[in-house]
């Protein structure tokens, strides 16, 4: 997570959970009438930042690992195919010569 996203999420968490902290008069209020439309907005921003950050972290890493995985899978499939192809070809050539019992 970037420091900007973490800071924004942590700053909006009290507002998103209906808490109002007054730093001038050290008091805290829960569910104030002032937060009529600010609480849903803060909840949407916190959820959006969290979801987007986690999605970017997971999706970016998965997309970076994808070429390596595809290369590994294709090499193993080619090895299996070529090994069975050689074995089948050698049996065919022996059979065509009448050497297989």
PDB file of N, CA and C in Angstrom:
ATOM      1  N   UNK A   1       0.841  -1.183   0.000  1.00  0.00           N
ATOM      2  CA  UNK A   1       0.000   0.000   0.000  1.00  0.00           C
ATOM      3  C   UNK A   1       0.880   1.238   0.000  1.00  0.00           C
ATOM      4  N   UNK A   2       0.445   2.207  -0.724  1.00  0.00           N
ATOM      5  CA  UNK A   2       1.205   3.446  -0.725  1.00  0.00           C
ATOM      6  C   UNK A   2       0.898   4.232   0.545  1.00  0.00           C
ATOM      7  N   UNK A   3       1.823   5.072   0.916  1.00  0.00           N
ATOM      8  CA  UNK A   3       1.649   5.834   2.150  1.00  0.00           C
ATOM      9  C   UNK A   3       0.476   6.809   2.028  1.00  0.00           C
ATOM     10  N   UNK A   4       0.204   7.274   0.826  1.00  0.00           N
ATOM     11  CA  UNK A   4      -0.929   8.179   0.636  1.00  0.00           C
ATOM     12  C   UNK A   4      -2.249   7.459   0.888  1.00  0.00           C
ATOM     13  N   UNK A   5      -2.381   6.249   0.369  1.00  0.00           N
ATOM     14  CA  UNK A   5      -3.615   5.479   0.574  1.00  0.00           C
ATOM     15  C   UNK A   5      -3.784   5.116   2.046  1.00  0.00           C
ATOM     16  N   UNK A   6      -2.697   4.708   2.688  1.00  0.00           N
ATOM     17  CA  UNK A   6      -2.782   4.348   4.122  1.00  0.00           C
ATOM     18  C   UNK A   6      -3.192   5.555   4.942  1.00  0.00           C
ATOM     19  N   UNK A   7      -2.572   6.708   4.672  1.00  0.00           N
ATOM     20  CA  UNK A   7      -2.902   7.927   5.412  1.00  0.00           C
ATOM     21  C   UNK A   7      -4.356   8.315   5.202  1.00  0.00           C
ATOM     22  N   UNK A   8      -4.833   8.250   3.974  1.00  0.00           N
ATOM     23  CA  UNK A   8      -6.219   8.617   3.682  1.00  0.00           C
ATOM     24  C   UNK A   8      -7.191   7.668   4.376  1.00  0.00           C
ATOM     25  N   UNK A   9      -6.905   6.373   4.319  1.00  0.00           N
ATOM     26  CA  UNK A   9      -7.783   5.387   4.959  1.00  0.00           C
ATOM     27  C   UNK A   9      -7.824   5.597   6.468  1.00  0.00           C
ATOM     28  N   UNK A  10      -6.650   5.765   7.086  1.00  0.00           N
ATOM     29  CA  UNK A  10      -6.610   5.953   8.538  1.00  0.00           C
ATOM     30  C   UNK A  10      -7.243   7.277   8.959  1.00  0.00           C
ATOM     31  N   UNK A  11      -7.098   8.311   8.145  1.00  0.00           N
ATOM     32  CA  UNK A  11      -7.713   9.595   8.483  1.00  0.00           C
ATOM     33  C   UNK A  11      -9.225   9.560   8.380  1.00  0.00           C
ATOM     34  N   UNK A  12      -9.757   8.787   7.452  1.00  0.00           N
ATOM     35  CA  UNK A  12     -11.208   8.748   7.256  1.00  0.00           C
ATOM     36  C   UNK A  12     -11.914   7.667   8.083  1.00  0.00           C
ATOM     37  N   UNK A  13     -11.154   6.771   8.714  1.00  0.00           N
ATOM     38  CA  UNK A  13     -11.802   5.700   9.496  1.00  0.00           C
ATOM     39  C   UNK A  13     -12.703   6.219  10.618  1.00  0.00           C
ATOM     40  N   UNK A  14     -12.293   7.211  11.420  1.00  0.00           N
ATOM     41  CA  UNK A  14     -13.230   7.697  12.449  1.00  0.00           C
ATOM     42  C   UNK A  14     -14.518   8.253  11.848  1.00  0.00           C
ATOM     43  N   UNK A  15     -14.414   9.008  10.780  1.00  0.00           N
ATOM     44  CA  UNK A  15     -15.611   9.562  10.149  1.00  0.00           C
ATOM     45  C   UNK A  15     -16.462   8.457   9.532  1.00  0.00           C
ATOM     46  N   UNK A  16     -15.813   7.457   8.923  1.00  0.00           N
ATOM     47  CA  UNK A  16     -16.556   6.369   8.301  1.00  0.00           C
ATOM     48  C   UNK A  16     -17.265   5.498   9.332  1.00  0.00           C
ATOM     49  N   UNK A  17     -16.762   5.461  10.555  1.00  0.00           N
ATOM     50  CA  UNK A  17     -17.409   4.661  11.606  1.00  0.00           C
ATOM     51  C   UNK A  17     -18.249   5.530  12.553  1.00  0.00           C
ATOM     52  N   UNK A  18     -18.665   6.717  12.090  1.00  0.00           N
ATOM     53  CA  UNK A  18     -19.557   7.630  12.812  1.00  0.00           C
ATOM     54  C   UNK A  18     -18.950   8.238  14.068  1.00  0.00           C
ATOM     55  N   UNK A  19     -17.674   8.346  14.159  1.00  0.00           N
ATOM     56  CA  UNK A  19     -17.025   8.980  15.300  1.00  0.00           C
ATOM     57  C   UNK A  19     -16.571  10.377  14.911  1.00  0.00           C
ATOM     58  N   UNK A  20     -16.831  11.338  15.793  1.00  0.00           N
ATOM     59  CA  UNK A  20     -16.350  12.701  15.611  1.00  0.00           C
ATOM     60  C   UNK A  20     -15.434  13.022  16.776  1.00  0.00           C
ATOM     61  N   UNK A  21     -14.215  13.413  16.467  1.00  0.00           N
ATOM     62  CA  UNK A  21     -13.240  13.728  17.509  1.00  0.00           C
ATOM     63  C   UNK A  21     -12.974  15.227  17.464  1.00  0.00           C
ATOM     64  N   UNK A  22     -13.241  15.879  18.580  1.00  0.00           N
ATOM     65  CA  UNK A  22     -12.990  17.313  18.691  1.00  0.00           C
ATOM     66  C   UNK A  22     -11.659  17.502  19.402  1.00  0.00           C
ATOM     67  N   UNK A  23     -10.674  18.026  18.680  1.00  0.00           N
ATOM     68  CA  UNK A  23      -9.344  18.180  19.258  1.00  0.00           C
ATOM     69  C   UNK A  23      -9.210  19.455  20.076  1.00  0.00           C
ATOM     70  N   UNK A  24     -10.081  20.447  19.835  1.00  0.00           N
ATOM     71  CA  UNK A  24     -10.030  21.686  20.613  1.00  0.00           C
ATOM     72  C   UNK A  24     -10.538  21.416  22.024  1.00  0.00           C
ATOM     73  N   UNK A  25     -11.729  20.878  22.132  1.00  0.00           N
ATOM     74  CA  UNK A  25     -12.263  20.411  23.421  1.00  0.00           C
ATOM     75  C   UNK A  25     -12.132  18.897  23.399  1.00  0.00           C
ATOM     76  N   UNK A  26     -11.258  18.317  24.170  1.00  0.00           N
ATOM     77  CA  UNK A  26     -11.003  16.874  24.042  1.00  0.00           C
ATOM     78  C   UNK A  26     -12.247  16.016  24.315  1.00  0.00           C
ATOM     79  N   UNK A  27     -13.087  15.890  23.289  1.00  0.00           N
ATOM     80  CA  UNK A  27     -14.286  15.057  23.400  1.00  0.00           C
ATOM     81  C   UNK A  27     -14.445  14.250  22.117  1.00  0.00           C
ATOM     82  N   UNK A  28     -15.192  13.185  22.230  1.00  0.00           N
ATOM     83  CA  UNK A  28     -15.497  12.352  21.072  1.00  0.00           C
ATOM     84  C   UNK A  28     -16.998  12.093  21.058  1.00  0.00           C
ATOM     85  N   UNK A  29     -17.592  12.215  19.893  1.00  0.00           N
ATOM     86  CA  UNK A  29     -19.020  11.989  19.726  1.00  0.00           C
ATOM     87  C   UNK A  29     -19.235  10.804  18.804  1.00  0.00           C
ATOM     88  N   UNK A  30     -20.271  10.037  19.122  1.00  0.00           N
ATOM     89  CA  UNK A  30     -20.639   8.925  18.258  1.00  0.00           C
ATOM     90  C   UNK A  30     -22.006   9.219  17.677  1.00  0.00           C
ATOM     91  N   UNK A  31     -22.160   9.091  16.388  1.00  0.00           N
ATOM     92  CA  UNK A  31     -23.387   9.346  15.619  1.00  0.00           C
ATOM     93  C   UNK A  31     -23.905  10.758  15.889  1.00  0.00           C
ATOM     94  N   UNK A  32     -23.301  11.696  15.242  1.00  0.00           N
ATOM     95  CA  UNK A  32     -23.726  13.082  15.321  1.00  0.00           C
ATOM     96  C   UNK A  32     -24.622  13.395  14.127  1.00  0.00           C
ATOM     97  N   UNK A  33     -25.476  14.379  14.282  1.00  0.00           N
ATOM     98  CA  UNK A  33     -26.392  14.747  13.199  1.00  0.00           C
ATOM     99  C   UNK A  33     -25.676  15.533  12.100  1.00  0.00           C
ATOM    100  N   UNK A  34     -24.491  15.997  12.381  1.00  0.00           N
ATOM    101  CA  UNK A  34     -23.737  16.776  11.402  1.00  0.00           C
ATOM    102  C   UNK A  34     -23.262  15.895  10.250  1.00  0.00           C
ATOM    103  N   UNK A  35     -23.122  14.597  10.479  1.00  0.00           N
ATOM    104  CA  UNK A  35     -22.534  13.689   9.495  1.00  0.00           C
ATOM    105  C   UNK A  35     -23.554  13.115   8.534  1.00  0.00           C
ATOM    106  N   UNK A  36     -24.604  13.802   8.237  1.00  0.00           N
ATOM    107  CA  UNK A  36     -25.673  13.280   7.399  1.00  0.00           C
ATOM    108  C   UNK A  36     -25.201  12.614   6.119  1.00  0.00           C
ATOM    109  N   UNK A  37     -24.441  13.295   5.320  1.00  0.00           N
ATOM    110  CA  UNK A  37     -23.978  12.705   4.067  1.00  0.00           C
ATOM    111  C   UNK A  37     -22.472  12.482   4.054  1.00  0.00           C
ATOM    112  N   UNK A  38     -21.760  12.905   5.092  1.00  0.00           N
ATOM    113  CA  UNK A  38     -20.303  12.717   5.125  1.00  0.00           C
ATOM    114  C   UNK A  38     -19.922  11.270   5.451  1.00  0.00           C
ATOM    115  N   UNK A  39     -20.708  10.590   6.262  1.00  0.00           N
ATOM    116  CA  UNK A  39     -20.389   9.208   6.648  1.00  0.00           C
ATOM    117  C   UNK A  39     -20.439   8.271   5.437  1.00  0.00           C
ATOM    118  N   UNK A  40     -21.500   8.269   4.637  1.00  0.00           N
ATOM    119  CA  UNK A  40     -21.485   7.391   3.462  1.00  0.00           C
ATOM    120  C   UNK A  40     -20.369   7.734   2.477  1.00  0.00           C
ATOM    121  N   UNK A  41     -20.055   9.010   2.347  1.00  0.00           N
ATOM    122  CA  UNK A  41     -18.970   9.415   1.460  1.00  0.00           C
ATOM    123  C   UNK A  41     -17.634   8.887   1.967  1.00  0.00           C
ATOM    124  N   UNK A  42     -17.391   9.022   3.269  1.00  0.00           N
ATOM    125  CA  UNK A  42     -16.147   8.517   3.858  1.00  0.00           C
ATOM    126  C   UNK A  42     -16.074   6.994   3.756  1.00  0.00           C
ATOM    127  N   UNK A  43     -17.202   6.306   3.962  1.00  0.00           N
ATOM    128  CA  UNK A  43     -17.216   4.853   3.843  1.00  0.00           C
ATOM    129  C   UNK A  43     -16.902   4.420   2.413  1.00  0.00           C
ATOM    130  N   UNK A  44     -17.449   5.122   1.444  1.00  0.00           N
ATOM    131  CA  UNK A  44     -17.179   4.784   0.044  1.00  0.00           C
ATOM    132  C   UNK A  44     -15.712   5.014  -0.302  1.00  0.00           C
ATOM    133  N   UNK A  45     -15.136   6.100   0.190  1.00  0.00           N
ATOM    134  CA  UNK A  45     -13.730   6.385  -0.103  1.00  0.00           C
ATOM    135  C   UNK A  45     -12.820   5.362   0.562  1.00  0.00           C
ATOM    136  N   UNK A  46     -13.093   5.021   1.822  1.00  0.00           N
ATOM    137  CA  UNK A  46     -12.268   4.030   2.533  1.00  0.00           C
ATOM    138  C   UNK A  46     -12.363   2.672   1.845  1.00  0.00           C
ATOM    139  N   UNK A  47     -13.576   2.240   1.513  1.00  0.00           N
ATOM    140  CA  UNK A  47     -13.735   0.954   0.837  1.00  0.00           C
ATOM    141  C   UNK A  47     -13.057   0.972  -0.527  1.00  0.00           C
ATOM    142  N   UNK A  48     -13.238   2.054  -1.275  1.00  0.00           N
ATOM    143  CA  UNK A  48     -12.644   2.152  -2.601  1.00  0.00           C
ATOM    144  C   UNK A  48     -11.123   2.116  -2.560  1.00  0.00           C
ATOM    145  N   UNK A  49     -10.533   2.885  -1.656  1.00  0.00           N
ATOM    146  CA  UNK A  49      -9.074   2.883  -1.538  1.00  0.00           C
ATOM    147  C   UNK A  49      -8.553   1.520  -1.106  1.00  0.00           C
ATOM    148  N   UNK A  50      -9.215   0.899  -0.142  1.00  0.00           N
ATOM    149  CA  UNK A  50      -8.771  -0.411   0.339  1.00  0.00           C
ATOM    150  C   UNK A  50      -8.887  -1.460  -0.759  1.00  0.00           C
ATOM    151  N   UNK A  51     -10.032  -1.510  -1.415  1.00  0.00           N
ATOM    152  CA  UNK A  51     -10.245  -2.499  -2.480  1.00  0.00           C
ATOM    153  C   UNK A  51      -9.273  -2.284  -3.636  1.00  0.00           C
ATOM    154  N   UNK A  52      -9.117  -1.040  -4.064  1.00  0.00           N
ATOM    155  CA  UNK A  52      -8.238  -0.745  -5.193  1.00  0.00           C
ATOM    156  C   UNK A  52      -6.782  -1.074  -4.862  1.00  0.00           C
ATOM    157  N   UNK A  53      -6.357  -0.745  -3.649  1.00  0.00           N
ATOM    158  CA  UNK A  53      -4.971  -1.017  -3.273  1.00  0.00           C
ATOM    159  C   UNK A  53      -4.708  -2.514  -3.213  1.00  0.00           C
ATOM    160  N   UNK A  54      -5.600  -3.260  -2.590  1.00  0.00           N
ATOM    161  CA  UNK A  54      -5.418  -4.712  -2.515  1.00  0.00           C
ATOM    162  C   UNK A  54      -5.506  -5.350  -3.895  1.00  0.00           C
ATOM    163  N   UNK A  55      -6.427  -4.875  -4.731  1.00  0.00           N
ATOM    164  CA  UNK A  55      -6.559  -5.412  -6.077  1.00  0.00           C
ATOM    165  C   UNK A  55      -5.308  -5.149  -6.896  1.00  0.00           C
ATOM    166  N   UNK A  56      -4.761  -3.954  -6.774  1.00  0.00           N
ATOM    167  CA  UNK A  56      -3.553  -3.622  -7.514  1.00  0.00           C
ATOM    168  C   UNK A  56      -2.383  -4.465  -7.042  1.00  0.00           C
ATOM    169  N   UNK A  57      -2.266  -4.642  -5.723  1.00  0.00           N
ATOM    170  CA  UNK A  57      -1.156  -5.445  -5.205  1.00  0.00           C
ATOM    171  C   UNK A  57      -1.258  -6.895  -5.656  1.00  0.00           C
ATOM    172  N   UNK A  58      -2.423  -7.479  -5.569  1.00  0.00           N
ATOM    173  CA  UNK A  58      -2.598  -8.886  -5.940  1.00  0.00           C
ATOM    174  C   UNK A  58      -2.533  -9.056  -7.460  1.00  0.00           C
ATOM    175  N   UNK A  59      -3.242  -8.220  -8.191  1.00  0.00           N
ATOM    176  CA  UNK A  59      -3.292  -8.352  -9.643  1.00  0.00           C
ATOM    177  C   UNK A  59      -1.936  -8.063 -10.287  1.00  0.00           C
ATOM    178  N   UNK A  60      -1.227  -7.069  -9.783  1.00  0.00           N
ATOM    179  CA  UNK A  60       0.084  -6.749 -10.339  1.00  0.00           C
ATOM    180  C   UNK A  60       1.056  -7.898 -10.130  1.00  0.00           C
ATOM    181  N   UNK A  61       1.075  -8.458  -8.949  1.00  0.00           N
ATOM    182  CA  UNK A  61       1.979  -9.580  -8.687  1.00  0.00           C
ATOM    183  C   UNK A  61       1.598 -10.807  -9.518  1.00  0.00           C
ATOM    184  N   UNK A  62       0.314 -11.039  -9.658  1.00  0.00           N
ATOM    185  CA  UNK A  62      -0.117 -12.182 -10.462  1.00  0.00           C
ATOM    186  C   UNK A  62       0.247 -11.994 -11.937  1.00  0.00           C
ATOM    187  N   UNK A  63       0.085 -10.791 -12.444  1.00  0.00           N
ATOM    188  CA  UNK A  63       0.427 -10.533 -13.841  1.00  0.00           C
ATOM    189  C   UNK A  63       1.940 -10.572 -14.067  1.00  0.00           C
ATOM    190  N   UNK A  64       2.711 -10.196 -13.059  1.00  0.00           N
ATOM    191  CA  UNK A  64       4.165 -10.285 -13.184  1.00  0.00           C
ATOM    192  C   UNK A  64       4.635 -11.738 -13.159  1.00  0.00           C
ATOM    193  N   UNK A  65       3.953 -12.588 -12.416  1.00  0.00           N
ATOM    194  CA  UNK A  65       4.346 -13.993 -12.320  1.00  0.00           C
ATOM    195  C   UNK A  65       3.812 -14.819 -13.486  1.00  0.00           C
ATOM    196  N   UNK A  66       2.832 -14.312 -14.211  1.00  0.00           N
ATOM    197  CA  UNK A  66       2.199 -15.067 -15.286  1.00  0.00           C
ATOM    198  C   UNK A  66       3.150 -15.484 -16.405  1.00  0.00           C
ATOM    199  N   UNK A  67       4.021 -14.627 -16.936  1.00  0.00           N
ATOM    200  CA  UNK A  67       4.921 -15.082 -18.003  1.00  0.00           C
ATOM    201  C   UNK A  67       5.853 -16.213 -17.566  1.00  0.00           C
ATOM    202  N   UNK A  68       6.343 -16.143 -16.348  1.00  0.00           N
ATOM    203  CA  UNK A  68       7.218 -17.206 -15.853  1.00  0.00           C
ATOM    204  C   UNK A  68       6.457 -18.528 -15.755  1.00  0.00           C
ATOM    205  N   UNK A  69       5.249 -18.484 -15.242  1.00  0.00           N
ATOM    206  CA  UNK A  69       4.444 -19.693 -15.113  1.00  0.00           C
ATOM    207  C   UNK A  69       4.098 -20.275 -16.485  1.00  0.00           C
ATOM    208  N   UNK A  70       3.740 -19.424 -17.424  1.00  0.00           N
ATOM    209  CA  UNK A  70       3.418 -19.912 -18.772  1.00  0.00           C
ATOM    210  C   UNK A  70       4.636 -20.531 -19.441  1.00  0.00           C
ATOM    211  N   UNK A  71       5.792 -19.922 -19.248  1.00  0.00           N
ATOM    212  CA  UNK A  71       7.022 -20.464 -19.829  1.00  0.00           C
ATOM    213  C   UNK A  71       7.350 -21.826 -19.217  1.00  0.00           C
ATOM    214  N   UNK A  72       7.217 -21.929 -17.908  1.00  0.00           N
ATOM    215  CA  UNK A  72       7.490 -23.193 -17.222  1.00  0.00           C
ATOM    216  C   UNK A  72       6.518 -24.284 -17.681  1.00  0.00           C
ATOM    217  N   UNK A  73       5.242 -23.939 -17.778  1.00  0.00           N
ATOM    218  CA  UNK A  73       4.247 -24.924 -18.202  1.00  0.00           C
ATOM    219  C   UNK A  73       4.469 -25.356 -19.648  1.00  0.00           C
ATOM    220  N   UNK A  74       4.781 -24.418 -20.511  1.00  0.00           N
ATOM    221  CA  UNK A  74       4.978 -24.782 -21.917  1.00  0.00           C
ATOM    222  C   UNK A  74       6.233 -25.631 -22.094  1.00  0.00           C
ATOM    223  N   UNK A  75       7.295 -25.345 -21.326  1.00  0.00           N
ATOM    224  CA  UNK A  75       8.509 -26.165 -21.440  1.00  0.00           C
ATOM    225  C   UNK A  75       8.250 -27.576 -20.952  1.00  0.00           C
ATOM    226  N   UNK A  76       7.528 -27.710 -19.845  1.00  0.00           N
ATOM    227  CA  UNK A  76       7.259 -29.057 -19.343  1.00  0.00           C
ATOM    228  C   UNK A  76       6.352 -29.827 -20.306  1.00  0.00           C
ATOM    229  N   UNK A  77       5.390 -29.151 -20.912  1.00  0.00           N
ATOM    230  CA  UNK A  77       4.523 -29.830 -21.889  1.00  0.00           C
ATOM    231  C   UNK A  77       5.305 -30.239 -23.133  1.00  0.00           C
ATOM    232  N   UNK A  78       6.204 -29.386 -23.587  1.00  0.00           N
ATOM    233  CA  UNK A  78       7.015 -29.727 -24.753  1.00  0.00           C
ATOM    234  C   UNK A  78       7.938 -30.904 -24.480  1.00  0.00           C
ATOM    235  N   UNK A  79       8.490 -30.952 -23.264  1.00  0.00           N
ATOM    236  CA  UNK A  79       9.358 -32.073 -22.901  1.00  0.00           C
ATOM    237  C   UNK A  79       8.565 -33.377 -22.875  1.00  0.00           C
ATOM    238  N   UNK A  80       7.363 -33.321 -22.292  1.00  0.00           N
ATOM    239  CA  UNK A  80       6.531 -34.524 -22.240  1.00  0.00           C
ATOM    240  C   UNK A  80       6.129 -34.954 -23.644  1.00  0.00           C
ATOM    241  N   UNK A  81       5.748 -34.018 -24.468  1.00  0.00           N
ATOM    242  CA  UNK A  81       5.317 -34.331 -25.834  1.00  0.00           C
ATOM    243  C   UNK A  81       6.469 -34.894 -26.662  1.00  0.00           C
ATOM    244  N   UNK A  82       7.618 -34.264 -26.558  1.00  0.00           N
ATOM    245  CA  UNK A  82       8.749 -34.736 -27.359  1.00  0.00           C
ATOM    246  C   UNK A  82       9.232 -36.097 -26.874  1.00  0.00           C
ATOM    247  N   UNK A  83       9.185 -36.357 -25.571  1.00  0.00           N
ATOM    248  CA  UNK A  83       9.617 -37.660 -25.052  1.00  0.00           C
ATOM    249  C   UNK A  83       8.666 -38.762 -25.505  1.00  0.00           C
ATOM    250  N   UNK A  84       7.381 -38.536 -25.452  1.00  0.00           N
ATOM    251  CA  UNK A  84       6.424 -39.561 -25.903  1.00  0.00           C
ATOM    252  C   UNK A  84       6.438 -39.688 -27.406  1.00  0.00           C
ATOM    253  N   UNK A  85       6.706 -38.584 -28.113  1.00  0.00           N
ATOM    254  CA  UNK A  85       6.776 -38.633 -29.565  1.00  0.00           C
ATOM    255  C   UNK A  85       7.948 -39.464 -30.039  1.00  0.00           C
ATOM    256  N   UNK A  86       9.090 -39.339 -29.398  1.00  0.00           N
ATOM    257  CA  UNK A  86      10.278 -40.123 -29.770  1.00  0.00           C
ATOM    258  C   UNK A  86      10.042 -41.594 -29.479  1.00  0.00           C
ATOM    259  N   UNK A  87       9.445 -41.867 -28.344  1.00  0.00           N
ATOM    260  CA  UNK A  87       9.187 -43.258 -27.984  1.00  0.00           C
ATOM    261  C   UNK A  87       8.198 -43.884 -28.970  1.00  0.00           C
ATOM    262  N   UNK A  88       7.151 -43.171 -29.320  1.00  0.00           N
ATOM    263  CA  UNK A  88       6.163 -43.707 -30.262  1.00  0.00           C
ATOM    264  C   UNK A  88       6.778 -43.854 -31.646  1.00  0.00           C
ATOM    265  N   UNK A  89       7.624 -42.917 -32.031  1.00  0.00           N
ATOM    266  CA  UNK A  89       8.261 -42.981 -33.336  1.00  0.00           C
ATOM    267  C   UNK A  89       9.211 -44.178 -33.426  1.00  0.00           C
ATOM    268  N   UNK A  90       9.965 -44.452 -32.370  1.00  0.00           N
ATOM    269  CA  UNK A  90      10.895 -45.586 -32.406  1.00  0.00           C
ATOM    270  C   UNK A  90      10.134 -46.911 -32.456  1.00  0.00           C
ATOM    271  N   UNK A  91       9.001 -46.999 -31.752  1.00  0.00           N
ATOM    272  CA  UNK A  91       8.209 -48.222 -31.811  1.00  0.00           C
ATOM    273  C   UNK A  91       7.599 -48.396 -33.201  1.00  0.00           C
ATOM    274  N   UNK A  92       7.198 -47.288 -33.842  1.00  0.00           N
ATOM    275  CA  UNK A  92       6.613 -47.357 -35.172  1.00  0.00           C
ATOM    276  C   UNK A  92       7.655 -47.820 -36.197  1.00  0.00           C
ATOM    277  N   UNK A  93       8.845 -47.275 -36.083  1.00  0.00           N
ATOM    278  CA  UNK A  93       9.857 -47.650 -37.053  1.00  0.00           C
ATOM    279  C   UNK A  93      10.261 -49.116 -36.890  1.00  0.00           C
ATOM    280  N   UNK A  94      10.299 -49.601 -35.651  1.00  0.00           N
ATOM    281  CA  UNK A  94      10.618 -51.016 -35.436  1.00  0.00           C
ATOM    282  C   UNK A  94       9.489 -51.919 -35.943  1.00  0.00           C
ATOM    283  N   UNK A  95       8.256 -51.478 -35.750  1.00  0.00           N
ATOM    284  CA  UNK A  95       7.108 -52.247 -36.196  1.00  0.00           C
ATOM    285  C   UNK A  95       7.057 -52.319 -37.715  1.00  0.00           C
ATOM    286  N   UNK A  96       7.395 -51.209 -38.367  1.00  0.00           N
ATOM    287  CA  UNK A  96       7.363 -51.203 -39.827  1.00  0.00           C
ATOM    288  C   UNK A  96       8.420 -52.130 -40.425  1.00  0.00           C
ATOM    289  N   UNK A  97       9.473 -52.353 -39.680  1.00  0.00           N
ATOM    290  CA  UNK A  97      10.513 -53.265 -40.162  1.00  0.00           C
ATOM    291  C   UNK A  97      10.227 -54.713 -39.771  1.00  0.00           C
ATOM    292  N   UNK A  98       9.177 -54.913 -38.995  1.00  0.00           N
ATOM    293  CA  UNK A  98       8.834 -56.254 -38.583  1.00  0.00           C
ATOM    294  C   UNK A  98       9.680 -56.777 -37.450  1.00  0.00           C
ATOM    295  N   UNK A  99      10.283 -55.867 -36.680  1.00  0.00           N
ATOM    296  CA  UNK A  99      11.165 -56.288 -35.598  1.00  0.00           C
ATOM    297  C   UNK A  99      10.483 -56.354 -34.240  1.00  0.00           C
ATOM    298  N   UNK A 100       9.257 -55.888 -34.134  1.00  0.00           N
ATOM    299  CA  UNK A 100       8.549 -55.892 -32.860  1.00  0.00           C
ATOM    300  C   UNK A 100       7.771 -57.182 -32.741  1.00  0.00           C
ATOM    301  N   UNK A 101       7.877 -57.824 -31.592  1.00  0.00           N
ATOM    302  CA  UNK A 101       7.178 -59.106 -31.385  1.00  0.00           C
ATOM    303  C   UNK A 101       5.870 -58.854 -30.687  1.00  0.00           C
TER     304      UNK A 101
END
